PDB file of N, CA and C in Angstrom:
ATOM      1  N   MET A   1     -89.191 -25.802 342.096  1.00  0.00           N
ATOM      2  CA  MET A   1     -88.377 -26.543 342.302  1.00  0.00           C
ATOM      3  C   MET A   1     -89.468 -27.935 342.310  1.00  0.00           C
ATOM      4  N   THR A   2     -88.301 -29.110 341.504  1.00  0.00           N
ATOM      5  CA  THR A   2     -88.737 -30.451 340.999  1.00  0.00           C
ATOM      6  C   THR A   2     -87.471 -31.202 342.006  1.00  0.00           C
ATOM      7  N   ARG A   3     -88.394 -33.183 342.108  1.00  0.00           N
ATOM      8  CA  ARG A   3     -87.778 -33.549 342.805  1.00  0.00           C
ATOM      9  C   ARG A   3     -88.022 -35.072 342.081  1.00  0.00           C
ATOM     10  N   ARG A   4     -86.716 -36.014 341.968  1.00  0.00           N
ATOM     11  CA  ARG A   4     -87.648 -37.447 341.079  1.00  0.00           C
ATOM     12  C   ARG A   4     -88.176 -37.912 342.216  1.00  0.00           C
ATOM     13  N   TRP A   5     -89.232 -39.061 341.444  1.00  0.00           N
ATOM     14  CA  TRP A   5     -89.942 -39.205 342.412  1.00  0.00           C
ATOM     15  C   TRP A   5     -90.634 -40.685 341.057  1.00  0.00           C
ATOM     16  N   GLU A   6     -89.420 -41.683 341.119  1.00  0.00           N
ATOM     17  CA  GLU A   6     -90.268 -43.046 340.903  1.00  0.00           C
ATOM     18  C   GLU A   6     -90.043 -42.915 339.282  1.00  0.00           C
ATOM     19  N   GLY A   7     -88.672 -42.666 338.721  1.00  0.00           N
ATOM     20  CA  GLY A   7     -88.526 -42.147 337.412  1.00  0.00           C
ATOM     21  C   GLY A   7     -88.718 -40.475 336.761  1.00  0.00           C
ATOM     22  N   ARG A   8     -89.753 -40.255 337.382  1.00  0.00           N
ATOM     23  CA  ARG A   8     -90.470 -38.620 337.043  1.00  0.00           C
ATOM     24  C   ARG A   8     -90.089 -37.623 337.110  1.00  0.00           C
ATOM     25  N   LYS A   9     -89.986 -36.708 337.310  1.00  0.00           N
ATOM     26  CA  LYS A   9     -89.792 -34.874 336.821  1.00  0.00           C
ATOM     27  C   LYS A   9     -90.962 -35.286 337.360  1.00  0.00           C
ATOM     28  N   GLU A  10     -91.459 -34.590 338.668  1.00  0.00           N
ATOM     29  CA  GLU A  10     -92.906 -34.003 339.280  1.00  0.00           C
ATOM     30  C   GLU A  10     -92.690 -32.705 340.065  1.00  0.00           C
ATOM     31  N   LYS A  11     -93.673 -31.343 339.587  1.00  0.00           N
ATOM     32  CA  LYS A  11     -93.490 -30.424 340.793  1.00  0.00           C
ATOM     33  C   LYS A  11     -93.865 -30.699 342.205  1.00  0.00           C
ATOM     34  N   SER A  12     -92.946 -30.334 343.034  1.00  0.00           N
ATOM     35  CA  SER A  12     -92.887 -30.570 344.918  1.00  0.00           C
ATOM     36  C   SER A  12     -95.011 -30.533 345.177  1.00  0.00           C
ATOM     37  N   TYR A  13     -94.971 -29.695 344.146  1.00  0.00           N
ATOM     38  CA  TYR A  13     -96.661 -28.800 344.635  1.00  0.00           C
ATOM     39  C   TYR A  13     -98.065 -30.271 344.377  1.00  0.00           C
ATOM     40  N   GLU A  14     -97.406 -30.934 342.879  1.00  0.00           N
ATOM     41  CA  GLU A  14     -98.309 -32.387 342.567  1.00  0.00           C
ATOM     42  C   GLU A  14     -97.741 -33.386 343.798  1.00  0.00           C
ATOM     43  N   LEU A  15     -96.586 -33.866 344.060  1.00  0.00           N
ATOM     44  CA  LEU A  15     -96.702 -34.716 345.069  1.00  0.00           C
ATOM     45  C   LEU A  15     -97.077 -34.749 345.915  1.00  0.00           C
ATOM     46  N   ASN A  16     -97.103 -33.401 347.107  1.00  0.00           N
ATOM     47  CA  ASN A  16     -97.880 -32.852 347.694  1.00  0.00           C
ATOM     48  C   ASN A  16     -99.509 -33.507 347.906  1.00  0.00           C
ATOM     49  N   ARG A  17     -99.496 -33.688 346.924  1.00  0.00           N
ATOM     50  CA  ARG A  17    -101.073 -33.465 346.576  1.00  0.00           C
ATOM     51  C   ARG A  17    -101.299 -35.082 346.957  1.00  0.00           C
ATOM     52  N   ILE A  18    -100.652 -36.467 346.397  1.00  0.00           N
ATOM     53  CA  ILE A  18    -101.211 -38.040 346.941  1.00  0.00           C
ATOM     54  C   ILE A  18    -101.637 -37.500 348.198  1.00  0.00           C
ATOM     55  N   CYS A  19    -102.486 -38.453 348.479  1.00  0.00           N
ATOM     56  CA  CYS A  19    -102.851 -38.750 350.282  1.00  0.00           C
ATOM     57  C   CYS A  19    -103.661 -39.588 350.132  1.00  0.00           C
ATOM     58  N   GLU A  20    -103.597 -40.892 349.026  1.00  0.00           N
ATOM     59  CA  GLU A  20    -103.875 -41.952 349.723  1.00  0.00           C
ATOM     60  C   GLU A  20    -103.568 -42.974 348.650  1.00  0.00           C
ATOM     61  N   VAL A  21    -104.098 -44.457 348.738  1.00  0.00           N
ATOM     62  CA  VAL A  21    -102.745 -45.607 348.393  1.00  0.00           C
ATOM     63  C   VAL A  21    -104.089 -46.370 347.783  1.00  0.00           C
ATOM     64  N   ILE A  22    -104.365 -46.902 346.555  1.00  0.00           N
ATOM     65  CA  ILE A  22    -105.391 -47.299 345.786  1.00  0.00           C
ATOM     66  C   ILE A  22    -104.743 -49.063 345.361  1.00  0.00           C
ATOM     67  N   ILE A  23    -105.541 -50.158 346.276  1.00  0.00           N
ATOM     68  CA  ILE A  23    -105.150 -51.516 346.373  1.00  0.00           C
ATOM     69  C   ILE A  23    -106.095 -51.584 344.622  1.00  0.00           C
ATOM     70  N   PHE A  24    -105.192 -52.233 344.111  1.00  0.00           N
ATOM     71  CA  PHE A  24    -106.369 -53.139 342.695  1.00  0.00           C
ATOM     72  C   PHE A  24    -106.245 -54.914 342.924  1.00  0.00           C
ATOM     73  N   ASP A  25    -107.243 -55.354 342.793  1.00  0.00           N
ATOM     74  CA  ASP A  25    -107.140 -56.391 342.326  1.00  0.00           C
ATOM     75  C   ASP A  25    -106.924 -57.307 341.226  1.00  0.00           C
ATOM     76  N   ARG A  26    -106.608 -58.486 341.415  1.00  0.00           N
ATOM     77  CA  ARG A  26    -106.055 -59.458 340.303  1.00  0.00           C
ATOM     78  C   ARG A  26    -107.045 -58.943 339.409  1.00  0.00           C
ATOM     79  N   LEU A  27    -106.702 -59.107 337.416  1.00  0.00           N
ATOM     80  CA  LEU A  27    -107.670 -58.894 336.879  1.00  0.00           C
ATOM     81  C   LEU A  27    -107.812 -60.448 337.091  1.00  0.00           C
ATOM     82  N   ALA A  28    -109.324 -60.918 336.729  1.00  0.00           N
ATOM     83  CA  ALA A  28    -109.726 -62.063 336.212  1.00  0.00           C
ATOM     84  C   ALA A  28    -108.912 -62.666 335.008  1.00  0.00           C
ATOM     85  N   GLU A  29    -109.587 -63.861 333.683  1.00  0.00           N
ATOM     86  CA  GLU A  29    -108.923 -64.416 333.136  1.00  0.00           C
ATOM     87  C   GLU A  29    -110.042 -63.371 332.102  1.00  0.00           C
ATOM     88  N   GLU A  30    -110.850 -63.975 332.552  1.00  0.00           N
ATOM     89  CA  GLU A  30    -112.330 -63.166 331.573  1.00  0.00           C
ATOM     90  C   GLU A  30    -111.902 -61.537 331.662  1.00  0.00           C
ATOM     91  N   ASP A  31    -111.734 -61.131 332.534  1.00  0.00           N
ATOM     92  CA  ASP A  31    -110.996 -58.964 332.170  1.00  0.00           C
ATOM     93  C   ASP A  31    -110.094 -59.594 330.991  1.00  0.00           C
ATOM     94  N   LEU A  32    -109.171 -59.834 331.334  1.00  0.00           N
ATOM     95  CA  LEU A  32    -107.420 -60.269 330.136  1.00  0.00           C
ATOM     96  C   LEU A  32    -107.417 -60.370 329.034  1.00  0.00           C
ATOM     97  N   THR A  33    -109.178 -61.338 329.341  1.00  0.00           N
ATOM     98  CA  THR A  33    -109.995 -61.436 327.347  1.00  0.00           C
ATOM     99  C   THR A  33    -110.408 -60.396 326.742  1.00  0.00           C
ATOM    100  N   LYS A  34    -110.688 -59.979 327.564  1.00  0.00           N
ATOM    101  CA  LYS A  34    -111.896 -57.925 327.004  1.00  0.00           C
ATOM    102  C   LYS A  34    -111.126 -57.392 326.598  1.00  0.00           C
ATOM    103  N   ILE A  35    -109.198 -57.387 327.413  1.00  0.00           N
ATOM    104  CA  ILE A  35    -108.861 -56.424 327.171  1.00  0.00           C
ATOM    105  C   ILE A  35    -108.118 -56.524 325.736  1.00  0.00           C
ATOM    106  N   VAL A  36    -107.927 -58.342 325.878  1.00  0.00           N
ATOM    107  CA  VAL A  36    -107.053 -58.787 324.298  1.00  0.00           C
ATOM    108  C   VAL A  36    -108.632 -58.293 322.968  1.00  0.00           C
ATOM    109  N   GLY A  37    -109.730 -58.645 323.386  1.00  0.00           N
ATOM    110  CA  GLY A  37    -111.103 -58.390 322.214  1.00  0.00           C
ATOM    111  C   GLY A  37    -110.875 -56.832 322.093  1.00  0.00           C
ATOM    112  N   LEU A  38    -110.438 -55.827 322.807  1.00  0.00           N
ATOM    113  CA  LEU A  38    -110.620 -54.794 322.782  1.00  0.00           C
ATOM    114  C   LEU A  38    -109.068 -53.914 322.333  1.00  0.00           C
ATOM    115  N   GLN A  39    -108.202 -53.984 321.907  1.00  0.00           N
ATOM    116  CA  GLN A  39    -107.334 -53.907 321.707  1.00  0.00           C
ATOM    117  C   GLN A  39    -107.185 -54.870 319.846  1.00  0.00           C
ATOM    118  N   LEU A  40    -107.756 -56.059 319.753  1.00  0.00           N
ATOM    119  CA  LEU A  40    -108.226 -56.224 318.221  1.00  0.00           C
ATOM    120  C   LEU A  40    -108.500 -55.712 317.727  1.00  0.00           C
ATOM    121  N   GLU A  41    -109.733 -55.031 318.488  1.00  0.00           N
ATOM    122  CA  GLU A  41    -110.314 -54.346 317.514  1.00  0.00           C
ATOM    123  C   GLU A  41    -110.131 -53.444 316.887  1.00  0.00           C
ATOM    124  N   ARG A  42    -108.821 -52.187 317.840  1.00  0.00           N
ATOM    125  CA  ARG A  42    -107.829 -51.422 316.780  1.00  0.00           C
ATOM    126  C   ARG A  42    -107.129 -52.083 316.265  1.00  0.00           C
ATOM    127  N   VAL A  43    -106.899 -53.124 316.051  1.00  0.00           N
ATOM    128  CA  VAL A  43    -105.497 -53.696 314.909  1.00  0.00           C
ATOM    129  C   VAL A  43    -106.951 -53.927 313.825  1.00  0.00           C
ATOM    130  N   VAL A  44    -108.036 -54.661 314.354  1.00  0.00           N
ATOM    131  CA  VAL A  44    -109.137 -55.106 312.794  1.00  0.00           C
ATOM    132  C   VAL A  44    -109.500 -53.437 312.137  1.00  0.00           C
ATOM    133  N   LYS A  45    -109.617 -52.539 313.143  1.00  0.00           N
ATOM    134  CA  LYS A  45    -109.883 -51.281 311.763  1.00  0.00           C
ATOM    135  C   LYS A  45    -108.675 -50.293 311.539  1.00  0.00           C
ATOM    136  N   ARG A  46    -107.729 -50.583 311.658  1.00  0.00           N
ATOM    137  CA  ARG A  46    -106.233 -50.815 311.225  1.00  0.00           C
ATOM    138  C   ARG A  46    -106.060 -51.006 309.980  1.00  0.00           C
ATOM    139  N   LEU A  47    -105.733 -52.439 310.433  1.00  0.00           N
ATOM    140  CA  LEU A  47    -106.198 -53.115 309.241  1.00  0.00           C
ATOM    141  C   LEU A  47    -106.764 -52.914 307.369  1.00  0.00           C
ATOM    142  N   GLU A  48    -107.938 -52.554 307.869  1.00  0.00           N
ATOM    143  CA  GLU A  48    -109.608 -52.484 307.794  1.00  0.00           C
ATOM    144  C   GLU A  48    -109.121 -50.938 306.504  1.00  0.00           C
ATOM    145  N   LYS A  49    -108.382 -50.122 307.156  1.00  0.00           N
ATOM    146  CA  LYS A  49    -108.010 -49.550 306.380  1.00  0.00           C
ATOM    147  C   LYS A  49    -106.979 -49.432 304.928  1.00  0.00           C
ATOM    148  N   GLN A  50    -106.195 -50.536 305.113  1.00  0.00           N
ATOM    149  CA  GLN A  50    -105.210 -50.403 304.608  1.00  0.00           C
ATOM    150  C   GLN A  50    -106.125 -51.615 303.730  1.00  0.00           C
ATOM    151  N   ASN A  51    -106.806 -52.223 303.843  1.00  0.00           N
ATOM    152  CA  ASN A  51    -108.222 -53.141 302.243  1.00  0.00           C
ATOM    153  C   ASN A  51    -107.862 -54.124 302.929  1.00  0.00           C
ATOM    154  N   LEU A  52    -107.330 -54.534 304.840  1.00  0.00           N
ATOM    155  CA  LEU A  52    -107.950 -56.003 304.957  1.00  0.00           C
ATOM    156  C   LEU A  52    -108.130 -56.704 306.158  1.00  0.00           C
ATOM    157  N   ARG A  53    -108.418 -57.564 306.278  1.00  0.00           N
ATOM    158  CA  ARG A  53    -109.524 -58.279 306.742  1.00  0.00           C
ATOM    159  C   ARG A  53    -109.029 -59.119 307.986  1.00  0.00           C
ATOM    160  N   VAL A  54    -109.233 -59.167 308.753  1.00  0.00           N
ATOM    161  CA  VAL A  54    -109.194 -60.103 309.830  1.00  0.00           C
ATOM    162  C   VAL A  54    -110.079 -60.624 310.817  1.00  0.00           C
ATOM    163  N   GLU A  55    -110.538 -61.856 311.088  1.00  0.00           N
ATOM    164  CA  GLU A  55    -111.561 -62.255 312.078  1.00  0.00           C
ATOM    165  C   GLU A  55    -110.626 -62.862 313.546  1.00  0.00           C
ATOM    166  N   PHE A  56    -110.593 -62.847 314.692  1.00  0.00           N
ATOM    167  CA  PHE A  56    -110.020 -63.448 315.643  1.00  0.00           C
ATOM    168  C   PHE A  56    -111.167 -64.222 316.032  1.00  0.00           C
ATOM    169  N   THR A  57    -111.038 -65.698 317.052  1.00  0.00           N
ATOM    170  CA  THR A  57    -112.261 -66.427 317.257  1.00  0.00           C
ATOM    171  C   THR A  57    -111.788 -65.715 319.143  1.00  0.00           C
ATOM    172  N   GLU A  58    -112.434 -66.323 319.646  1.00  0.00           N
ATOM    173  CA  GLU A  58    -112.999 -66.524 320.730  1.00  0.00           C
ATOM    174  C   GLU A  58    -111.526 -67.172 321.501  1.00  0.00           C
ATOM    175  N   GLY A  59    -111.723 -67.880 320.688  1.00  0.00           N
ATOM    176  CA  GLY A  59    -110.177 -68.677 321.192  1.00  0.00           C
ATOM    177  C   GLY A  59    -109.350 -68.613 320.934  1.00  0.00           C
ATOM    178  N   ALA A  60    -108.884 -67.583 319.962  1.00  0.00           N
ATOM    179  CA  ALA A  60    -107.994 -67.298 320.419  1.00  0.00           C
ATOM    180  C   ALA A  60    -107.612 -65.711 320.862  1.00  0.00           C
ATOM    181  N   LYS A  61    -108.754 -65.173 321.327  1.00  0.00           N
ATOM    182  CA  LYS A  61    -108.826 -63.981 322.416  1.00  0.00           C
ATOM    183  C   LYS A  61    -108.263 -64.662 323.887  1.00  0.00           C
ATOM    184  N   GLN A  62    -108.852 -65.585 323.871  1.00  0.00           N
ATOM    185  CA  GLN A  62    -108.016 -66.609 325.106  1.00  0.00           C
ATOM    186  C   GLN A  62    -106.962 -66.745 324.798  1.00  0.00           C
ATOM    187  N   PHE A  63    -106.333 -67.429 324.024  1.00  0.00           N
ATOM    188  CA  PHE A  63    -104.664 -67.996 324.389  1.00  0.00           C
ATOM    189  C   PHE A  63    -104.358 -66.747 324.223  1.00  0.00           C
ATOM    190  N   LEU A  64    -104.095 -65.169 323.240  1.00  0.00           N
ATOM    191  CA  LEU A  64    -103.867 -64.326 323.680  1.00  0.00           C
ATOM    192  C   LEU A  64    -103.226 -64.185 325.333  1.00  0.00           C
ATOM    193  N   ALA A  65    -104.685 -64.143 325.810  1.00  0.00           N
ATOM    194  CA  ALA A  65    -104.618 -63.761 326.867  1.00  0.00           C
ATOM    195  C   ALA A  65    -103.785 -64.314 328.216  1.00  0.00           C
ATOM    196  N   LYS A  66    -104.116 -65.463 327.829  1.00  0.00           N
ATOM    197  CA  LYS A  66    -103.101 -66.632 328.699  1.00  0.00           C
ATOM    198  C   LYS A  66    -101.466 -66.449 327.806  1.00  0.00           C
ATOM    199  N   LEU A  67    -101.319 -66.516 327.311  1.00  0.00           N
ATOM    200  CA  LEU A  67    -100.014 -66.412 326.819  1.00  0.00           C
ATOM    201  C   LEU A  67     -99.829 -65.208 327.041  1.00  0.00           C
ATOM    202  N   GLY A  68    -100.065 -64.051 327.483  1.00  0.00           N
ATOM    203  CA  GLY A  68     -99.612 -62.510 327.523  1.00  0.00           C
ATOM    204  C   GLY A  68     -99.509 -62.572 328.925  1.00  0.00           C
ATOM    205  N   TYR A  69    -100.411 -63.156 330.056  1.00  0.00           N
ATOM    206  CA  TYR A  69    -100.506 -63.101 331.658  1.00  0.00           C
ATOM    207  C   TYR A  69     -98.984 -63.464 332.164  1.00  0.00           C
ATOM    208  N   ASP A  70     -99.126 -62.903 332.495  1.00  0.00           N
ATOM    209  CA  ASP A  70     -97.833 -62.580 333.719  1.00  0.00           C
ATOM    210  C   ASP A  70     -97.807 -61.697 334.868  1.00  0.00           C
ATOM    211  N   PRO A  71     -98.445 -63.217 336.400  1.00  0.00           N
ATOM    212  CA  PRO A  71     -98.421 -62.866 337.532  1.00  0.00           C
ATOM    213  C   PRO A  71     -97.703 -61.417 338.532  1.00  0.00           C
ATOM    214  N   SER A  72     -96.482 -61.654 337.299  1.00  0.00           N
ATOM    215  CA  SER A  72     -95.500 -60.011 338.428  1.00  0.00           C
ATOM    216  C   SER A  72     -96.302 -58.116 337.872  1.00  0.00           C
ATOM    217  N   PHE A  73     -96.617 -58.740 337.146  1.00  0.00           N
ATOM    218  CA  PHE A  73     -97.413 -57.199 336.262  1.00  0.00           C
ATOM    219  C   PHE A  73     -99.406 -57.255 336.989  1.00  0.00           C
ATOM    220  N   THR A  74     -99.663 -58.102 337.664  1.00  0.00           N
ATOM    221  CA  THR A  74    -100.648 -58.154 337.948  1.00  0.00           C
ATOM    222  C   THR A  74    -100.442 -57.597 339.833  1.00  0.00           C
ATOM    223  N   GLY A  75    -102.277 -56.429 339.909  1.00  0.00           N
ATOM    224  CA  GLY A  75    -102.139 -55.782 341.103  1.00  0.00           C
ATOM    225  C   GLY A  75    -102.648 -57.454 342.480  1.00  0.00           C
ATOM    226  N   ARG A  76    -101.746 -56.923 343.501  1.00  0.00           N
ATOM    227  CA  ARG A  76    -102.043 -57.442 344.863  1.00  0.00           C
ATOM    228  C   ARG A  76    -103.342 -58.199 344.840  1.00  0.00           C
ATOM    229  N   GLY A  77    -103.327 -59.730 344.790  1.00  0.00           N
ATOM    230  CA  GLY A  77    -104.244 -60.369 345.517  1.00  0.00           C
ATOM    231  C   GLY A  77    -104.608 -60.097 346.746  1.00  0.00           C
ATOM    232  N   ARG A  78    -106.178 -60.138 347.757  1.00  0.00           N
ATOM    233  CA  ARG A  78    -106.293 -60.042 348.901  1.00  0.00           C
ATOM    234  C   ARG A  78    -106.030 -61.699 349.619  1.00  0.00           C
TER     235      ARG A  78
END
C-alpha cells in the first residue's frame, strides 16, 4: 500500500517512522559563502578536466551568495 505524501509516493510503513520535526535556523551570510565556495570548487575541477583554469575571489563568492539568497527558501529563524 502506498500513500501520496508531499508529492512523493512513500510506503506506509516509512511514513509511520516519522516521529519528530527538526527546526533549522537560517543560514548566515558566512554559511552561504562557504556553500558557494564548495560548489565553485566542483566547477573548477570540472573545468580543469577540460584544460581550463578559473579562479574566484572571495568577493566573487560573497557576491554570488548574496545574489542567490532568497529568504523564502531559508529555515525559520527564532
